[in-house]
Amino acid sequence: MIDKPTKKRRLSFLTQIRRAFIFTQKYTDTVDKIKSKSKGPRGGSLYLCPICKILHPKSKIEVDHNPPVTPFDKYQYDLSEEEVINNIMYNDCQALCKDCHKTKSASDMILRRAAKKNK
C-alpha cells in the first residue's frame, strides 16, 4: 500500500501530466478530427460526437484514451511514471462529448472491476 503523502504526490503528478496533454499537438489533432463545418449561434466551431452524433461546442468536448491510460487489470499505482506519460501522450485517443465520455468511462470502470476480481 502506498502511504498517504506518496499517494497525494502521485495524484498531483498524474493531474499535471493530464493537464499538460491538453496543450499537445496530439490533443489538438484529436479534437480537430471531429470538427464540423457547421457554426454555432455565435459563429463558433461545432464538433460532432462520433457516438451520439450531436453537434457540441468545443467546451463540451473531451479526449478519451483508447485503450485507457491504466489497463483494466492494473491500478494506476502499478504503473511507473514513464508508463503513465507514455500512455497519456502516445496511446490512441478519440474526442467525445462530455456525456458520452462519462458513459464510456463508467463502462470502462465496470470492465476494470471485473478484470481485477478475476486477477
Foldseek 3Di string as FASTA:
>chain_A
DDDDVVVVVVVVLLVVLLVVLCPDPLVVVQQVVQWDPDADPVRATWGQFPPPRDTDGPVQKDKAFVVHLADLQDDPVVDDSVSSNCSNNPGDIHMHGNVVNVVVVVVSNVSSVVNNVVD
